[in-house]
PDB file of N, CA and C in Angstrom:
ATOM      1  N   UNK A   1      -9.801  19.647 -15.239  1.00  0.00           N
ATOM      2  CA  UNK A   1      -8.700  19.275 -16.100  1.00  0.00           C
ATOM      3  C   UNK A   1      -7.452  19.056 -15.253  1.00  0.00           C
ATOM      4  N   UNK A   2      -6.703  18.027 -15.572  1.00  0.00           N
ATOM      5  CA  UNK A   2      -5.490  17.702 -14.825  1.00  0.00           C
ATOM      6  C   UNK A   2      -4.353  18.600 -15.281  1.00  0.00           C
ATOM      7  N   UNK A   3      -3.769  19.311 -14.317  1.00  0.00           N
ATOM      8  CA  UNK A   3      -2.633  20.174 -14.627  1.00  0.00           C
ATOM      9  C   UNK A   3      -1.731  20.228 -13.405  1.00  0.00           C
ATOM     10  N   UNK A   4      -0.520  20.669 -13.584  1.00  0.00           N
ATOM     11  CA  UNK A   4       0.442  20.741 -12.490  1.00  0.00           C
ATOM     12  C   UNK A   4      -0.107  21.641 -11.391  1.00  0.00           C
ATOM     13  N   UNK A   5      -0.070  21.135 -10.157  1.00  0.00           N
ATOM     14  CA  UNK A   5      -0.551  21.889  -9.016  1.00  0.00           C
ATOM     15  C   UNK A   5      -2.012  21.668  -8.684  1.00  0.00           C
ATOM     16  N   UNK A   6      -2.732  20.935  -9.540  1.00  0.00           N
ATOM     17  CA  UNK A   6      -4.158  20.676  -9.300  1.00  0.00           C
ATOM     18  C   UNK A   6      -4.311  19.704  -8.137  1.00  0.00           C
ATOM     19  N   UNK A   7      -5.369  19.892  -7.338  1.00  0.00           N
ATOM     20  CA  UNK A   7      -5.671  18.948  -6.272  1.00  0.00           C
ATOM     21  C   UNK A   7      -6.364  17.742  -6.888  1.00  0.00           C
ATOM     22  N   UNK A   8      -5.921  16.559  -6.484  1.00  0.00           N
ATOM     23  CA  UNK A   8      -6.504  15.330  -7.021  1.00  0.00           C
ATOM     24  C   UNK A   8      -6.785  14.342  -5.899  1.00  0.00           C
ATOM     25  N   UNK A   9      -7.680  13.418  -6.163  1.00  0.00           N
ATOM     26  CA  UNK A   9      -7.916  12.258  -5.315  1.00  0.00           C
ATOM     27  C   UNK A   9      -7.332  11.066  -6.046  1.00  0.00           C
ATOM     28  N   UNK A  10      -6.708  10.157  -5.305  1.00  0.00           N
ATOM     29  CA  UNK A  10      -6.108   8.986  -5.918  1.00  0.00           C
ATOM     30  C   UNK A  10      -6.758   7.737  -5.330  1.00  0.00           C
ATOM     31  N   UNK A  11      -7.269   6.887  -6.199  1.00  0.00           N
ATOM     32  CA  UNK A  11      -7.835   5.604  -5.792  1.00  0.00           C
ATOM     33  C   UNK A  11      -6.947   4.504  -6.345  1.00  0.00           C
ATOM     34  N   UNK A  12      -6.587   3.571  -5.482  1.00  0.00           N
ATOM     35  CA  UNK A  12      -5.736   2.449  -5.881  1.00  0.00           C
ATOM     36  C   UNK A  12      -6.432   1.164  -5.464  1.00  0.00           C
ATOM     37  N   UNK A  13      -6.591   0.247  -6.388  1.00  0.00           N
ATOM     38  CA  UNK A  13      -7.198  -1.042  -6.068  1.00  0.00           C
ATOM     39  C   UNK A  13      -6.317  -1.754  -5.048  1.00  0.00           C
ATOM     40  N   UNK A  14      -6.881  -2.080  -3.883  1.00  0.00           N
ATOM     41  CA  UNK A  14      -6.099  -2.636  -2.772  1.00  0.00           C
ATOM     42  C   UNK A  14      -5.369  -3.920  -3.139  1.00  0.00           C
ATOM     43  N   UNK A  15      -5.952  -4.723  -4.014  1.00  0.00           N
ATOM     44  CA  UNK A  15      -5.311  -5.982  -4.397  1.00  0.00           C
ATOM     45  C   UNK A  15      -4.201  -5.774  -5.426  1.00  0.00           C
ATOM     46  N   UNK A  16      -4.028  -4.537  -5.901  1.00  0.00           N
ATOM     47  CA  UNK A  16      -2.999  -4.242  -6.902  1.00  0.00           C
ATOM     48  C   UNK A  16      -1.727  -3.685  -6.269  1.00  0.00           C
ATOM     49  N   UNK A  17      -1.622  -3.815  -4.956  1.00  0.00           N
ATOM     50  CA  UNK A  17      -0.444  -3.331  -4.243  1.00  0.00           C
ATOM     51  C   UNK A  17       0.357  -4.527  -3.750  1.00  0.00           C
ATOM     52  N   UNK A  18       1.634  -4.582  -4.113  1.00  0.00           N
ATOM     53  CA  UNK A  18       2.528  -5.638  -3.642  1.00  0.00           C
ATOM     54  C   UNK A  18       3.254  -5.131  -2.409  1.00  0.00           C
ATOM     55  N   UNK A  19       3.322  -5.945  -1.380  1.00  0.00           N
ATOM     56  CA  UNK A  19       3.950  -5.534  -0.134  1.00  0.00           C
ATOM     57  C   UNK A  19       5.164  -6.414   0.154  1.00  0.00           C
ATOM     58  N   UNK A  20       6.245  -5.790   0.639  1.00  0.00           N
ATOM     59  CA  UNK A  20       7.486  -6.488   0.948  1.00  0.00           C
ATOM     60  C   UNK A  20       8.065  -5.907   2.229  1.00  0.00           C
ATOM     61  N   UNK A  21       8.547  -6.730   3.141  1.00  0.00           N
ATOM     62  CA  UNK A  21       9.212  -6.181   4.331  1.00  0.00           C
ATOM     63  C   UNK A  21      10.395  -5.310   3.912  1.00  0.00           C
ATOM     64  N   UNK A  22      10.541  -4.152   4.508  1.00  0.00           N
ATOM     65  CA  UNK A  22      11.611  -3.226   4.138  1.00  0.00           C
ATOM     66  C   UNK A  22      12.987  -3.845   4.345  1.00  0.00           C
ATOM     67  N   UNK A  23      13.111  -4.728   5.334  1.00  0.00           N
ATOM     68  CA  UNK A  23      14.412  -5.349   5.629  1.00  0.00           C
ATOM     69  C   UNK A  23      14.901  -6.234   4.487  1.00  0.00           C
ATOM     70  N   UNK A  24      13.973  -6.800   3.693  1.00  0.00           N
ATOM     71  CA  UNK A  24      14.379  -7.698   2.609  1.00  0.00           C
ATOM     72  C   UNK A  24      14.282  -7.033   1.244  1.00  0.00           C
ATOM     73  N   UNK A  25      13.780  -5.806   1.194  1.00  0.00           N
ATOM     74  CA  UNK A  25      13.587  -5.119  -0.088  1.00  0.00           C
ATOM     75  C   UNK A  25      14.804  -4.260  -0.423  1.00  0.00           C
ATOM     76  N   UNK A  26      14.977  -4.046  -1.715  1.00  0.00           N
ATOM     77  CA  UNK A  26      16.010  -3.110  -2.130  1.00  0.00           C
ATOM     78  C   UNK A  26      15.465  -1.698  -1.898  1.00  0.00           C
ATOM     79  N   UNK A  27      16.188  -0.709  -2.304  1.00  0.00           N
ATOM     80  CA  UNK A  27      15.725   0.665  -2.088  1.00  0.00           C
ATOM     81  C   UNK A  27      14.425   0.924  -2.833  1.00  0.00           C
ATOM     82  N   UNK A  28      13.726   1.964  -2.426  1.00  0.00           N
ATOM     83  CA  UNK A  28      12.458   2.299  -3.061  1.00  0.00           C
ATOM     84  C   UNK A  28      12.681   2.673  -4.517  1.00  0.00           C
ATOM     85  N   UNK A  29      11.772   2.242  -5.369  1.00  0.00           N
ATOM     86  CA  UNK A  29      11.863   2.539  -6.787  1.00  0.00           C
ATOM     87  C   UNK A  29      10.600   3.226  -7.280  1.00  0.00           C
ATOM     88  N   UNK A  30      10.397   3.161  -8.572  1.00  0.00           N
ATOM     89  CA  UNK A  30       9.233   3.767  -9.195  1.00  0.00           C
ATOM     90  C   UNK A  30       7.958   3.130  -8.668  1.00  0.00           C
ATOM     91  N   UNK A  31       6.975   3.956  -8.385  1.00  0.00           N
ATOM     92  CA  UNK A  31       5.659   3.503  -7.917  1.00  0.00           C
ATOM     93  C   UNK A  31       5.727   2.762  -6.589  1.00  0.00           C
ATOM     94  N   UNK A  32       6.688   3.112  -5.745  1.00  0.00           N
ATOM     95  CA  UNK A  32       6.825   2.451  -4.451  1.00  0.00           C
ATOM     96  C   UNK A  32       6.739   3.463  -3.318  1.00  0.00           C
ATOM     97  N   UNK A  33       6.170   3.002  -2.212  1.00  0.00           N
ATOM     98  CA  UNK A  33       6.043   3.811  -1.006  1.00  0.00           C
ATOM     99  C   UNK A  33       6.600   3.022   0.160  1.00  0.00           C
ATOM    100  N   UNK A  34       7.284   3.689   1.056  1.00  0.00           N
ATOM    101  CA  UNK A  34       7.704   3.070   2.296  1.00  0.00           C
ATOM    102  C   UNK A  34       6.711   3.438   3.386  1.00  0.00           C
ATOM    103  N   UNK A  35       6.521   2.553   4.332  1.00  0.00           N
ATOM    104  CA  UNK A  35       5.594   2.852   5.407  1.00  0.00           C
ATOM    105  C   UNK A  35       5.688   1.845   6.529  1.00  0.00           C
ATOM    106  N   UNK A  36       4.750   1.956   7.450  1.00  0.00           N
ATOM    107  CA  UNK A  36       4.702   1.097   8.628  1.00  0.00           C
ATOM    108  C   UNK A  36       3.328   0.445   8.702  1.00  0.00           C
ATOM    109  N   UNK A  37       3.302  -0.865   8.980  1.00  0.00           N
ATOM    110  CA  UNK A  37       2.021  -1.566   9.142  1.00  0.00           C
ATOM    111  C   UNK A  37       1.360  -1.023  10.403  1.00  0.00           C
ATOM    112  N   UNK A  38       0.188  -0.414  10.229  1.00  0.00           N
ATOM    113  CA  UNK A  38      -0.533   0.179  11.350  1.00  0.00           C
ATOM    114  C   UNK A  38      -1.645  -0.742  11.846  1.00  0.00           C
ATOM    115  N   UNK A  39      -2.361  -1.376  10.906  1.00  0.00           N
ATOM    116  CA  UNK A  39      -3.484  -2.248  11.256  1.00  0.00           C
ATOM    117  C   UNK A  39      -3.399  -3.515  10.412  1.00  0.00           C
ATOM    118  N   UNK A  40      -3.625  -4.666  11.033  1.00  0.00           N
ATOM    119  CA  UNK A  40      -3.735  -5.941  10.323  1.00  0.00           C
ATOM    120  C   UNK A  40      -5.070  -6.572  10.695  1.00  0.00           C
ATOM    121  N   UNK A  41      -5.858  -6.895   9.687  1.00  0.00           N
ATOM    122  CA  UNK A  41      -7.136  -7.558   9.914  1.00  0.00           C
ATOM    123  C   UNK A  41      -7.115  -8.859   9.137  1.00  0.00           C
ATOM    124  N   UNK A  42      -7.064  -9.961   9.858  1.00  0.00           N
ATOM    125  CA  UNK A  42      -6.990 -11.277   9.217  1.00  0.00           C
ATOM    126  C   UNK A  42      -8.400 -11.778   8.928  1.00  0.00           C
ATOM    127  N   UNK A  43      -8.648 -12.100   7.678  1.00  0.00           N
ATOM    128  CA  UNK A  43      -9.916 -12.677   7.284  1.00  0.00           C
ATOM    129  C   UNK A  43      -9.798 -14.181   7.166  1.00  0.00           C
ATOM    130  N   UNK A  44     -10.859 -14.810   6.687  1.00  0.00           N
ATOM    131  CA  UNK A  44     -10.856 -16.270   6.556  1.00  0.00           C
ATOM    132  C   UNK A  44      -9.845 -16.734   5.515  1.00  0.00           C
ATOM    133  N   UNK A  45      -9.805 -16.055   4.342  1.00  0.00           N
ATOM    134  CA  UNK A  45      -8.878 -16.427   3.270  1.00  0.00           C
ATOM    135  C   UNK A  45      -7.901 -15.314   2.924  1.00  0.00           C
ATOM    136  N   UNK A  46      -8.360 -14.069   3.061  1.00  0.00           N
ATOM    137  CA  UNK A  46      -7.545 -12.907   2.717  1.00  0.00           C
ATOM    138  C   UNK A  46      -7.521 -11.950   3.901  1.00  0.00           C
ATOM    139  N   UNK A  47      -6.481 -11.140   3.946  1.00  0.00           N
ATOM    140  CA  UNK A  47      -6.325 -10.190   5.038  1.00  0.00           C
ATOM    141  C   UNK A  47      -6.163  -8.782   4.488  1.00  0.00           C
ATOM    142  N   UNK A  48      -6.354  -7.825   5.373  1.00  0.00           N
ATOM    143  CA  UNK A  48      -6.178  -6.416   5.039  1.00  0.00           C
ATOM    144  C   UNK A  48      -5.062  -5.861   5.905  1.00  0.00           C
ATOM    145  N   UNK A  49      -4.156  -5.138   5.271  1.00  0.00           N
ATOM    146  CA  UNK A  49      -3.099  -4.433   5.995  1.00  0.00           C
ATOM    147  C   UNK A  49      -3.243  -2.953   5.686  1.00  0.00           C
ATOM    148  N   UNK A  50      -3.246  -2.138   6.725  1.00  0.00           N
ATOM    149  CA  UNK A  50      -3.275  -0.696   6.545  1.00  0.00           C
ATOM    150  C   UNK A  50      -1.880  -0.173   6.823  1.00  0.00           C
ATOM    151  N   UNK A  51      -1.303   0.457   5.799  1.00  0.00           N
ATOM    152  CA  UNK A  51       0.066   0.941   5.868  1.00  0.00           C
ATOM    153  C   UNK A  51       0.046   2.453   6.042  1.00  0.00           C
ATOM    154  N   UNK A  52       0.669   2.927   7.089  1.00  0.00           N
ATOM    155  CA  UNK A  52       0.772   4.360   7.319  1.00  0.00           C
ATOM    156  C   UNK A  52       1.986   4.857   6.550  1.00  0.00           C
ATOM    157  N   UNK A  53       1.718   5.613   5.463  1.00  0.00           N
ATOM    158  CA  UNK A  53       2.798   6.100   4.602  1.00  0.00           C
ATOM    159  C   UNK A  53       3.367   7.393   5.157  1.00  0.00           C
ATOM    160  N   UNK A  54       2.523   8.265   5.644  1.00  0.00           N
ATOM    161  CA  UNK A  54       2.947   9.431   6.413  1.00  0.00           C
ATOM    162  C   UNK A  54       1.828   9.731   7.398  1.00  0.00           C
ATOM    163  N   UNK A  55       1.911  10.830   8.110  1.00  0.00           N
ATOM    164  CA  UNK A  55       0.935  11.107   9.163  1.00  0.00           C
ATOM    165  C   UNK A  55      -0.507  11.067   8.673  1.00  0.00           C
ATOM    166  N   UNK A  56      -0.748  11.463   7.443  1.00  0.00           N
ATOM    167  CA  UNK A  56      -2.121  11.614   6.972  1.00  0.00           C
ATOM    168  C   UNK A  56      -2.470  10.710   5.795  1.00  0.00           C
ATOM    169  N   UNK A  57      -1.591   9.832   5.407  1.00  0.00           N
ATOM    170  CA  UNK A  57      -1.837   8.989   4.242  1.00  0.00           C
ATOM    171  C   UNK A  57      -1.764   7.521   4.633  1.00  0.00           C
ATOM    172  N   UNK A  58      -2.863   6.820   4.361  1.00  0.00           N
ATOM    173  CA  UNK A  58      -2.964   5.399   4.692  1.00  0.00           C
ATOM    174  C   UNK A  58      -3.191   4.641   3.384  1.00  0.00           C
ATOM    175  N   UNK A  59      -2.401   3.612   3.165  1.00  0.00           N
ATOM    176  CA  UNK A  59      -2.520   2.764   1.989  1.00  0.00           C
ATOM    177  C   UNK A  59      -3.068   1.419   2.457  1.00  0.00           C
ATOM    178  N   UNK A  60      -4.209   1.004   1.892  1.00  0.00           N
ATOM    179  CA  UNK A  60      -4.835  -0.256   2.290  1.00  0.00           C
ATOM    180  C   UNK A  60      -4.466  -1.326   1.271  1.00  0.00           C
ATOM    181  N   UNK A  61      -3.976  -2.452   1.765  1.00  0.00           N
ATOM    182  CA  UNK A  61      -3.509  -3.558   0.933  1.00  0.00           C
ATOM    183  C   UNK A  61      -4.288  -4.813   1.319  1.00  0.00           C
ATOM    184  N   UNK A  62      -4.716  -5.584   0.320  1.00  0.00           N
ATOM    185  CA  UNK A  62      -5.299  -6.896   0.614  1.00  0.00           C
ATOM    186  C   UNK A  62      -4.347  -7.964   0.097  1.00  0.00           C
ATOM    187  N   UNK A  63      -4.236  -9.054   0.847  1.00  0.00           N
ATOM    188  CA  UNK A  63      -3.336 -10.125   0.437  1.00  0.00           C
ATOM    189  C   UNK A  63      -3.836 -11.452   0.994  1.00  0.00           C
ATOM    190  N   UNK A  64      -3.447 -12.527   0.305  1.00  0.00           N
ATOM    191  CA  UNK A  64      -3.810 -13.874   0.759  1.00  0.00           C
ATOM    192  C   UNK A  64      -3.163 -14.143   2.107  1.00  0.00           C
ATOM    193  N   UNK A  65      -3.857 -14.910   2.939  1.00  0.00           N
ATOM    194  CA  UNK A  65      -3.311 -15.246   4.253  1.00  0.00           C
ATOM    195  C   UNK A  65      -1.993 -16.001   4.151  1.00  0.00           C
ATOM    196  N   UNK A  66      -1.836 -16.806   3.114  1.00  0.00           N
ATOM    197  CA  UNK A  66      -0.577 -17.538   2.952  1.00  0.00           C
ATOM    198  C   UNK A  66       0.590 -16.565   2.759  1.00  0.00           C
ATOM    199  N   UNK A  67       0.364 -15.471   2.011  1.00  0.00           N
ATOM    200  CA  UNK A  67       1.408 -14.470   1.817  1.00  0.00           C
ATOM    201  C   UNK A  67       1.640 -13.686   3.106  1.00  0.00           C
ATOM    202  N   UNK A  68       0.575 -13.382   3.817  1.00  0.00           N
ATOM    203  CA  UNK A  68       0.696 -12.695   5.109  1.00  0.00           C
ATOM    204  C   UNK A  68       1.604 -13.500   6.040  1.00  0.00           C
ATOM    205  N   UNK A  69       1.371 -14.813   6.091  1.00  0.00           N
ATOM    206  CA  UNK A  69       2.180 -15.686   6.945  1.00  0.00           C
ATOM    207  C   UNK A  69       3.615 -15.796   6.441  1.00  0.00           C
ATOM    208  N   UNK A  70       3.774 -15.921   5.119  1.00  0.00           N
ATOM    209  CA  UNK A  70       5.111 -16.039   4.527  1.00  0.00           C
ATOM    210  C   UNK A  70       5.955 -14.798   4.803  1.00  0.00           C
ATOM    211  N   UNK A  71       5.339 -13.616   4.695  1.00  0.00           N
ATOM    212  CA  UNK A  71       6.055 -12.360   4.921  1.00  0.00           C
ATOM    213  C   UNK A  71       6.230 -12.055   6.412  1.00  0.00           C
ATOM    214  N   UNK A  72       5.490 -12.786   7.252  1.00  0.00           N
ATOM    215  CA  UNK A  72       5.528 -12.585   8.709  1.00  0.00           C
ATOM    216  C   UNK A  72       5.206 -11.136   9.070  1.00  0.00           C
ATOM    217  N   UNK A  73       4.171 -10.604   8.392  1.00  0.00           N
ATOM    218  CA  UNK A  73       3.779  -9.221   8.650  1.00  0.00           C
ATOM    219  C   UNK A  73       3.231  -9.081  10.061  1.00  0.00           C
ATOM    220  N   UNK A  74       3.569  -7.978  10.693  1.00  0.00           N
ATOM    221  CA  UNK A  74       3.041  -7.671  12.012  1.00  0.00           C
ATOM    222  C   UNK A  74       2.977  -6.155  12.172  1.00  0.00           C
ATOM    223  N   UNK A  75       2.203  -5.706  13.129  1.00  0.00           N
ATOM    224  CA  UNK A  75       2.066  -4.275  13.362  1.00  0.00           C
ATOM    225  C   UNK A  75       3.416  -3.648  13.669  1.00  0.00           C
ATOM    226  N   UNK A  76       3.581  -2.413  13.204  1.00  0.00           N
ATOM    227  CA  UNK A  76       4.778  -1.588  13.373  1.00  0.00           C
ATOM    228  C   UNK A  76       5.962  -2.032  12.513  1.00  0.00           C
ATOM    229  N   UNK A  77       5.761  -3.051  11.665  1.00  0.00           N
ATOM    230  CA  UNK A  77       6.811  -3.511  10.757  1.00  0.00           C
ATOM    231  C   UNK A  77       6.953  -2.509   9.605  1.00  0.00           C
ATOM    232  N   UNK A  78       8.198  -2.186   9.254  1.00  0.00           N
ATOM    233  CA  UNK A  78       8.452  -1.298   8.111  1.00  0.00           C
ATOM    234  C   UNK A  78       8.343  -2.123   6.826  1.00  0.00           C
ATOM    235  N   UNK A  79       7.635  -1.581   5.837  1.00  0.00           N
ATOM    236  CA  UNK A  79       7.402  -2.291   4.585  1.00  0.00           C
ATOM    237  C   UNK A  79       7.567  -1.353   3.398  1.00  0.00           C
ATOM    238  N   UNK A  80       7.727  -1.961   2.243  1.00  0.00           N
ATOM    239  CA  UNK A  80       7.680  -1.238   0.968  1.00  0.00           C
ATOM    240  C   UNK A  80       6.454  -1.734   0.218  1.00  0.00           C
ATOM    241  N   UNK A  81       5.744  -0.813  -0.407  1.00  0.00           N
ATOM    242  CA  UNK A  81       4.555  -1.152  -1.182  1.00  0.00           C
ATOM    243  C   UNK A  81       4.751  -0.672  -2.609  1.00  0.00           C
ATOM    244  N   UNK A  82       4.595  -1.570  -3.558  1.00  0.00           N
ATOM    245  CA  UNK A  82       4.688  -1.224  -4.975  1.00  0.00           C
ATOM    246  C   UNK A  82       3.289  -1.215  -5.548  1.00  0.00           C
ATOM    247  N   UNK A  83       2.963  -0.122  -6.219  1.00  0.00           N
ATOM    248  CA  UNK A  83       1.635   0.069  -6.788  1.00  0.00           C
ATOM    249  C   UNK A  83       1.684  -0.209  -8.281  1.00  0.00           C
ATOM    250  N   UNK A  84       0.770  -1.058  -8.756  1.00  0.00           N
ATOM    251  CA  UNK A  84       0.633  -1.307 -10.190  1.00  0.00           C
ATOM    252  C   UNK A  84       0.013  -0.053 -10.804  1.00  0.00           C
ATOM    253  N   UNK A  85       0.749   0.678 -11.656  1.00  0.00           N
ATOM    254  CA  UNK A  85       0.238   1.951 -12.181  1.00  0.00           C
ATOM    255  C   UNK A  85      -1.044   1.801 -12.999  1.00  0.00           C
ATOM    256  N   UNK A  86      -1.310   0.634 -13.543  1.00  0.00           N
ATOM    257  CA  UNK A  86      -2.536   0.474 -14.323  1.00  0.00           C
ATOM    258  C   UNK A  86      -3.767   0.368 -13.426  1.00  0.00           C
ATOM    259  N   UNK A  87      -3.559   0.303 -12.108  1.00  0.00           N
ATOM    260  CA  UNK A  87      -4.665   0.201 -11.164  1.00  0.00           C
ATOM    261  C   UNK A  87      -4.862   1.482 -10.364  1.00  0.00           C
ATOM    262  N   UNK A  88      -4.326   2.582 -10.856  1.00  0.00           N
ATOM    263  CA  UNK A  88      -4.456   3.884 -10.187  1.00  0.00           C
ATOM    264  C   UNK A  88      -5.471   4.739 -10.942  1.00  0.00           C
ATOM    265  N   UNK A  89      -6.398   5.315 -10.196  1.00  0.00           N
ATOM    266  CA  UNK A  89      -7.397   6.210 -10.785  1.00  0.00           C
ATOM    267  C   UNK A  89      -7.211   7.584 -10.156  1.00  0.00           C
ATOM    268  N   UNK A  90      -7.060   8.616 -10.997  1.00  0.00           N
ATOM    269  CA  UNK A  90      -6.962   9.988 -10.529  1.00  0.00           C
ATOM    270  C   UNK A  90      -8.271  10.708 -10.789  1.00  0.00           C
ATOM    271  N   UNK A  91      -8.716  11.464  -9.799  1.00  0.00           N
ATOM    272  CA  UNK A  91      -9.918  12.287  -9.944  1.00  0.00           C
ATOM    273  C   UNK A  91      -9.543  13.710  -9.560  1.00  0.00           C
ATOM    274  N   UNK A  92      -9.856  14.649 -10.417  1.00  0.00           N
ATOM    275  CA  UNK A  92      -9.557  16.046 -10.160  1.00  0.00           C
ATOM    276  C   UNK A  92     -10.586  16.605  -9.190  1.00  0.00           C
ATOM    277  N   UNK A  93     -10.101  17.264  -8.139  1.00  0.00           N
ATOM    278  CA  UNK A  93     -11.005  17.875  -7.146  1.00  0.00           C
ATOM    279  C   UNK A  93     -11.727  19.062  -7.783  1.00  0.00           C
ATOM    280  N   UNK A  94     -12.992  19.218  -7.434  1.00  0.00           N
ATOM    281  CA  UNK A  94     -13.781  20.332  -7.987  1.00  0.00           C
ATOM    282  C   UNK A  94     -13.478  21.614  -7.274  1.00  0.00           C
TER     283      UNK A  94
END
């Protein structure tokens, strides 16, 4: 049962995360995380960006290559990630 203080696992659909360079974004708001691009893997049509939110938390984002190029994402770039709350799944740890 979900209650305050319970340990949970959080799953977020990678394509439901919007990414914006921190330099062009306003301050962090609801459902947003700041972080640093740690890994970029360019695919044929879509790419994967791994955002290091803190030492132990990695947020994986998928985006079209055209958006990757438009945002000029690169490793070590500071970014803001907005999570669509309807794409978040919580699982209570046993």
